[in-house]
Amino acid sequence: MMEGNVVVTGATSGIGACMAERFGGAGATEVIAGRRGAEGESPASRLGLRARFQRADVGEERDVAALSPTRSPQSGGSTASSTTPATPGALTSIADVDVAHLDDVVRVHLRGVLLGMKHAAPVMMRQRSGSLINTASLAGTMPGFSEYAYSAAKAAVIHLTRCVAVELGEHGVR
């Protein structure tokens, strides 16, 4: 049984939805967040009273800042924050990269992860515990595995997570 509060972003499908199910099955109180309302309400209702859906775009700081319990130590603090954003893309030649797609992928994958950690860290540092869980991909470590924007953003997430771990580890945050 897991006690504590968990925020799972990107929880409307894929890895994020699976993580929400696992946390919920372990007894965590959850905020399930994502951009798609209908897809988010369904897993929240399946998980019962210990879960609620909140529409949020991780690329928007006000949305991430509004996610409870990340910002609410009165609600028992935050045990974990899981950021699992996804933005699909197509494999192209470097000469054909769509810069608007690159901007969107970086906004969701890298900025979203940074904002998730930024807003969860103060609560976790005060309570001297917690886990920040960021989802990357083999594409962030293996060239040629995925499209350029996604691969570069996931490589940045891996490095950003390591950099933040150095800072927060001394505060008891994993």
C-alpha atoms as a PDB file:
ATOM      1  CA  MET A   1       0.000   0.000   0.000  1.00  0.00           C
ATOM      2  CA  MET A   2       1.339   3.418  -0.973  1.00  0.00           C
ATOM      3  CA  GLU A   3       0.419   6.441   1.055  1.00  0.00           C
ATOM      4  CA  GLY A   4       0.872   9.919  -0.227  1.00  0.00           C
ATOM      5  CA  ASN A   5      -0.011  12.207  -3.072  1.00  0.00           C
ATOM      6  CA  VAL A   6       1.027  11.677  -6.654  1.00  0.00           C
ATOM      7  CA  VAL A   7       0.648  13.899  -9.700  1.00  0.00           C
ATOM      8  CA  VAL A   8       0.821  12.081 -13.041  1.00  0.00           C
ATOM      9  CA  THR A   9       0.896  14.287 -16.121  1.00  0.00           C
ATOM     10  CA  GLY A  10       0.439  12.854 -19.586  1.00  0.00           C
ATOM     11  CA  ALA A  11      -1.968  10.383 -17.952  1.00  0.00           C
ATOM     12  CA  THR A  12      -4.586  10.321 -20.707  1.00  0.00           C
ATOM     13  CA  SER A  13      -2.864   7.523 -22.646  1.00  0.00           C
ATOM     14  CA  GLY A  14       0.204   5.332 -22.980  1.00  0.00           C
ATOM     15  CA  ILE A  15       2.861   5.227 -20.273  1.00  0.00           C
ATOM     16  CA  GLY A  16       1.233   8.016 -18.243  1.00  0.00           C
ATOM     17  CA  ALA A  17      -2.098   6.152 -18.094  1.00  0.00           C
ATOM     18  CA  CYS A  18      -0.316   2.953 -17.037  1.00  0.00           C
ATOM     19  CA  MET A  19       1.569   4.829 -14.308  1.00  0.00           C
ATOM     20  CA  ALA A  20      -1.674   6.340 -13.023  1.00  0.00           C
ATOM     21  CA  GLU A  21      -3.229   2.867 -12.854  1.00  0.00           C
ATOM     22  CA  ARG A  22      -0.223   1.485 -10.959  1.00  0.00           C
ATOM     23  CA  PHE A  23      -0.092   4.345  -8.449  1.00  0.00           C
ATOM     24  CA  GLY A  24      -3.853   4.129  -7.961  1.00  0.00           C
ATOM     25  CA  GLY A  25      -3.680   0.363  -7.506  1.00  0.00           C
ATOM     26  CA  ALA A  26      -1.047   0.877  -4.824  1.00  0.00           C
ATOM     27  CA  GLY A  27      -3.364   3.215  -2.897  1.00  0.00           C
ATOM     28  CA  ALA A  28      -1.929   6.623  -3.770  1.00  0.00           C
ATOM     29  CA  THR A  29      -4.107   9.719  -3.860  1.00  0.00           C
ATOM     30  CA  GLU A  30      -3.662  11.036  -7.374  1.00  0.00           C
ATOM     31  CA  VAL A  31      -4.119  13.971  -9.614  1.00  0.00           C
ATOM     32  CA  ILE A  32      -4.281  12.642 -13.156  1.00  0.00           C
ATOM     33  CA  ALA A  33      -3.473  15.403 -15.609  1.00  0.00           C
ATOM     34  CA  GLY A  34      -3.455  15.737 -19.364  1.00  0.00           C
ATOM     35  CA  ARG A  35      -4.601  17.872 -22.256  1.00  0.00           C
ATOM     36  CA  ARG A  36      -7.534  15.676 -23.290  1.00  0.00           C
ATOM     37  CA  GLY A  37     -10.475  15.871 -20.881  1.00  0.00           C
ATOM     38  CA  ALA A  38     -12.541  12.883 -22.002  1.00  0.00           C
ATOM     39  CA  GLU A  39      -9.516  10.570 -21.963  1.00  0.00           C
ATOM     40  CA  GLY A  40      -8.592  11.765 -18.468  1.00  0.00           C
ATOM     41  CA  GLU A  41     -11.992  11.450 -16.831  1.00  0.00           C
ATOM     42  CA  SER A  42     -12.241   7.740 -17.610  1.00  0.00           C
ATOM     43  CA  PRO A  43      -9.156   6.494 -15.734  1.00  0.00           C
ATOM     44  CA  ALA A  44      -9.896   8.870 -12.849  1.00  0.00           C
ATOM     45  CA  SER A  45     -13.401   7.452 -12.456  1.00  0.00           C
ATOM     46  CA  ARG A  46     -12.072   3.872 -12.627  1.00  0.00           C
ATOM     47  CA  LEU A  47      -9.614   4.641  -9.825  1.00  0.00           C
ATOM     48  CA  GLY A  48     -12.374   6.022  -7.602  1.00  0.00           C
ATOM     49  CA  LEU A  49     -12.356   8.685  -4.915  1.00  0.00           C
ATOM     50  CA  ARG A  50      -8.583   8.651  -4.519  1.00  0.00           C
ATOM     51  CA  ALA A  51      -8.093  10.069  -8.015  1.00  0.00           C
ATOM     52  CA  ARG A  52      -9.281  13.130  -9.869  1.00  0.00           C
ATOM     53  CA  PHE A  53      -8.612  14.414 -13.347  1.00  0.00           C
ATOM     54  CA  GLN A  54      -7.393  17.944 -13.946  1.00  0.00           C
ATOM     55  CA  ARG A  55      -6.949  19.260 -17.456  1.00  0.00           C
ATOM     56  CA  ALA A  56      -3.439  20.630 -17.843  1.00  0.00           C
ATOM     57  CA  ASP A  57      -1.006  21.407 -20.625  1.00  0.00           C
ATOM     58  CA  VAL A  58       2.490  20.785 -19.230  1.00  0.00           C
ATOM     59  CA  GLY A  59       3.887  23.388 -21.598  1.00  0.00           C
ATOM     60  CA  GLU A  60       1.915  26.089 -19.764  1.00  0.00           C
ATOM     61  CA  GLU A  61       3.412  27.083 -16.420  1.00  0.00           C
ATOM     62  CA  ARG A  62       0.092  28.232 -14.927  1.00  0.00           C
ATOM     63  CA  ASP A  63      -1.405  24.780 -15.640  1.00  0.00           C
ATOM     64  CA  VAL A  64       1.495  22.974 -13.984  1.00  0.00           C
ATOM     65  CA  ALA A  65       1.541  25.362 -11.017  1.00  0.00           C
ATOM     66  CA  ALA A  66      -2.177  24.721 -10.453  1.00  0.00           C
ATOM     67  CA  LEU A  67      -1.774  20.958 -10.040  1.00  0.00           C
ATOM     68  CA  SER A  68      -2.518  19.867  -6.461  1.00  0.00           C
ATOM     69  CA  PRO A  69      -1.137  18.323  -4.271  1.00  0.00           C
ATOM     70  CA  THR A  70       2.178  19.425  -5.779  1.00  0.00           C
ATOM     71  CA  ARG A  71       1.558  22.955  -4.534  1.00  0.00           C
ATOM     72  CA  SER A  72      -0.286  22.051  -1.331  1.00  0.00           C
ATOM     73  CA  PRO A  73       1.742  20.815   1.634  1.00  0.00           C
ATOM     74  CA  GLN A  74      -1.460  21.033   3.716  1.00  0.00           C
ATOM     75  CA  SER A  75      -2.859  18.123   1.695  1.00  0.00           C
ATOM     76  CA  GLY A  76      -0.092  15.833   2.894  1.00  0.00           C
ATOM     77  CA  GLY A  77       2.683  17.008   0.646  1.00  0.00           C
ATOM     78  CA  SER A  78       3.778  15.227  -2.464  1.00  0.00           C
ATOM     79  CA  THR A  79       5.167  11.723  -2.551  1.00  0.00           C
ATOM     80  CA  ALA A  80       5.824  11.624  -6.286  1.00  0.00           C
ATOM     81  CA  SER A  81       5.449  13.658  -9.424  1.00  0.00           C
ATOM     82  CA  SER A  82       5.525  11.837 -12.752  1.00  0.00           C
ATOM     83  CA  THR A  83       5.858  13.775 -15.979  1.00  0.00           C
ATOM     84  CA  THR A  84       5.133  11.678 -19.077  1.00  0.00           C
ATOM     85  CA  PRO A  85       4.282  14.013 -21.958  1.00  0.00           C
ATOM     86  CA  ALA A  86       3.926  12.874 -25.547  1.00  0.00           C
ATOM     87  CA  THR A  87       3.813  14.650 -28.884  1.00  0.00           C
ATOM     88  CA  PRO A  88       3.939  12.408 -31.966  1.00  0.00           C
ATOM     89  CA  GLY A  89       6.043  13.210 -34.986  1.00  0.00           C
ATOM     90  CA  ALA A  90       7.152  11.730 -38.291  1.00  0.00           C
ATOM     91  CA  LEU A  91      10.632  10.675 -39.350  1.00  0.00           C
ATOM     92  CA  THR A  92      12.028  13.150 -41.860  1.00  0.00           C
ATOM     93  CA  SER A  93      15.325  14.162 -43.353  1.00  0.00           C
ATOM     94  CA  ILE A  94      17.145  16.913 -41.447  1.00  0.00           C
ATOM     95  CA  ALA A  95      16.516  19.119 -44.508  1.00  0.00           C
ATOM     96  CA  ASP A  96      12.773  18.629 -44.047  1.00  0.00           C
ATOM     97  CA  VAL A  97      12.479  19.210 -40.288  1.00  0.00           C
ATOM     98  CA  ASP A  98       9.414  21.270 -39.419  1.00  0.00           C
ATOM     99  CA  VAL A  99      10.651  23.926 -36.986  1.00  0.00           C
ATOM    100  CA  ALA A 100       7.127  24.537 -35.645  1.00  0.00           C
ATOM    101  CA  HIS A 101       6.936  20.833 -34.735  1.00  0.00           C
ATOM    102  CA  LEU A 102      10.364  21.090 -33.052  1.00  0.00           C
ATOM    103  CA  ASP A 103       9.134  24.024 -30.970  1.00  0.00           C
ATOM    104  CA  ASP A 104       6.011  22.106 -29.921  1.00  0.00           C
ATOM    105  CA  VAL A 105       7.972  18.971 -28.986  1.00  0.00           C
ATOM    106  CA  VAL A 106      10.485  20.964 -26.914  1.00  0.00           C
ATOM    107  CA  ARG A 107       7.627  22.907 -25.257  1.00  0.00           C
ATOM    108  CA  VAL A 108       5.843  19.723 -24.201  1.00  0.00           C
ATOM    109  CA  HIS A 109       8.689  17.270 -23.587  1.00  0.00           C
ATOM    110  CA  LEU A 110      11.453  19.451 -22.165  1.00  0.00           C
ATOM    111  CA  ARG A 111       9.667  22.535 -20.840  1.00  0.00           C
ATOM    112  CA  GLY A 112       6.872  20.336 -19.424  1.00  0.00           C
ATOM    113  CA  VAL A 113       9.346  18.182 -17.507  1.00  0.00           C
ATOM    114  CA  LEU A 114      11.235  21.227 -16.240  1.00  0.00           C
ATOM    115  CA  LEU A 115       8.007  22.872 -15.059  1.00  0.00           C
ATOM    116  CA  GLY A 116       6.864  19.672 -13.346  1.00  0.00           C
ATOM    117  CA  MET A 117      10.098  19.532 -11.363  1.00  0.00           C
ATOM    118  CA  LYS A 118      10.120  23.274 -10.704  1.00  0.00           C
ATOM    119  CA  HIS A 119       6.713  23.198  -9.043  1.00  0.00           C
ATOM    120  CA  ALA A 120       7.083  19.862  -7.219  1.00  0.00           C
ATOM    121  CA  ALA A 121      10.586  20.508  -5.865  1.00  0.00           C
ATOM    122  CA  PRO A 122       9.781  23.192  -3.249  1.00  0.00           C
ATOM    123  CA  VAL A 123       7.177  21.003  -1.518  1.00  0.00           C
ATOM    124  CA  MET A 124       9.435  17.951  -1.613  1.00  0.00           C
ATOM    125  CA  MET A 125      12.455  19.918  -0.387  1.00  0.00           C
ATOM    126  CA  ARG A 126      10.474  21.258   2.589  1.00  0.00           C
ATOM    127  CA  GLN A 127       9.305  17.776   3.562  1.00  0.00           C
ATOM    128  CA  ARG A 128      12.764  16.312   2.765  1.00  0.00           C
ATOM    129  CA  SER A 129      11.300  13.468   0.712  1.00  0.00           C
ATOM    130  CA  GLY A 130       9.675  12.663  -2.587  1.00  0.00           C
ATOM    131  CA  SER A 131      10.375  11.283  -6.030  1.00  0.00           C
ATOM    132  CA  LEU A 132      10.430  13.104  -9.339  1.00  0.00           C
ATOM    133  CA  ILE A 133       9.814  10.603 -12.137  1.00  0.00           C
ATOM    134  CA  ASN A 134      10.470  11.796 -15.668  1.00  0.00           C
ATOM    135  CA  THR A 135       9.849   9.627 -18.687  1.00  0.00           C
ATOM    136  CA  ALA A 136      12.451   9.770 -21.413  1.00  0.00           C
ATOM    137  CA  SER A 137      13.114   7.251 -24.177  1.00  0.00           C
ATOM    138  CA  LEU A 138      15.798   5.155 -25.803  1.00  0.00           C
ATOM    139  CA  ALA A 139      15.532   7.792 -28.508  1.00  0.00           C
ATOM    140  CA  GLY A 140      17.339  10.134 -26.106  1.00  0.00           C
ATOM    141  CA  THR A 141      20.385   7.850 -26.010  1.00  0.00           C
ATOM    142  CA  MET A 142      20.423   6.080 -29.400  1.00  0.00           C
ATOM    143  CA  PRO A 143      20.814   7.992 -32.675  1.00  0.00           C
ATOM    144  CA  GLY A 144      18.497   6.972 -35.511  1.00  0.00           C
ATOM    145  CA  PHE A 145      15.865   5.536 -33.177  1.00  0.00           C
ATOM    146  CA  SER A 146      13.242   8.264 -33.644  1.00  0.00           C
ATOM    147  CA  GLU A 147      12.600  11.630 -35.258  1.00  0.00           C
ATOM    148  CA  TYR A 148      15.001  14.488 -34.560  1.00  0.00           C
ATOM    149  CA  ALA A 149      12.861  16.742 -32.364  1.00  0.00           C
ATOM    150  CA  TYR A 150      11.694  13.884 -30.132  1.00  0.00           C
ATOM    151  CA  SER A 151      15.195  12.393 -29.827  1.00  0.00           C
ATOM    152  CA  ALA A 152      16.795  15.731 -28.949  1.00  0.00           C
ATOM    153  CA  ALA A 153      14.075  16.587 -26.413  1.00  0.00           C
ATOM    154  CA  LYS A 154      14.373  13.192 -24.710  1.00  0.00           C
ATOM    155  CA  ALA A 155      18.180  13.512 -24.543  1.00  0.00           C
ATOM    156  CA  ALA A 156      17.676  16.909 -22.899  1.00  0.00           C
ATOM    157  CA  VAL A 157      15.187  15.392 -20.410  1.00  0.00           C
ATOM    158  CA  ILE A 158      17.744  12.758 -19.406  1.00  0.00           C
ATOM    159  CA  HIS A 159      20.440  15.364 -18.796  1.00  0.00           C
ATOM    160  CA  LEU A 160      18.083  17.813 -17.078  1.00  0.00           C
ATOM    161  CA  THR A 161      16.887  15.063 -14.734  1.00  0.00           C
ATOM    162  CA  ARG A 162      20.474  14.204 -13.804  1.00  0.00           C
ATOM    163  CA  CYS A 163      21.304  17.864 -13.167  1.00  0.00           C
ATOM    164  CA  VAL A 164      18.245  18.328 -10.922  1.00  0.00           C
ATOM    165  CA  ALA A 165      19.057  15.073  -9.078  1.00  0.00           C
ATOM    166  CA  VAL A 166      22.432  16.546  -8.075  1.00  0.00           C
ATOM    167  CA  GLU A 167      20.696  19.575  -6.543  1.00  0.00           C
ATOM    168  CA  LEU A 168      17.749  17.843  -4.873  1.00  0.00           C
ATOM    169  CA  GLY A 169      19.493  14.708  -3.636  1.00  0.00           C
ATOM    170  CA  GLU A 170      20.937  16.577  -0.665  1.00  0.00           C
ATOM    171  CA  HIS A 171      17.355  17.487   0.293  1.00  0.00           C
ATOM    172  CA  GLY A 172      16.169  13.871   0.373  1.00  0.00           C
ATOM    173  CA  VAL A 173      14.372  14.083  -2.980  1.00  0.00           C
ATOM    174  CA  ARG A 174      14.930  11.316  -5.506  1.00  0.00           C
END
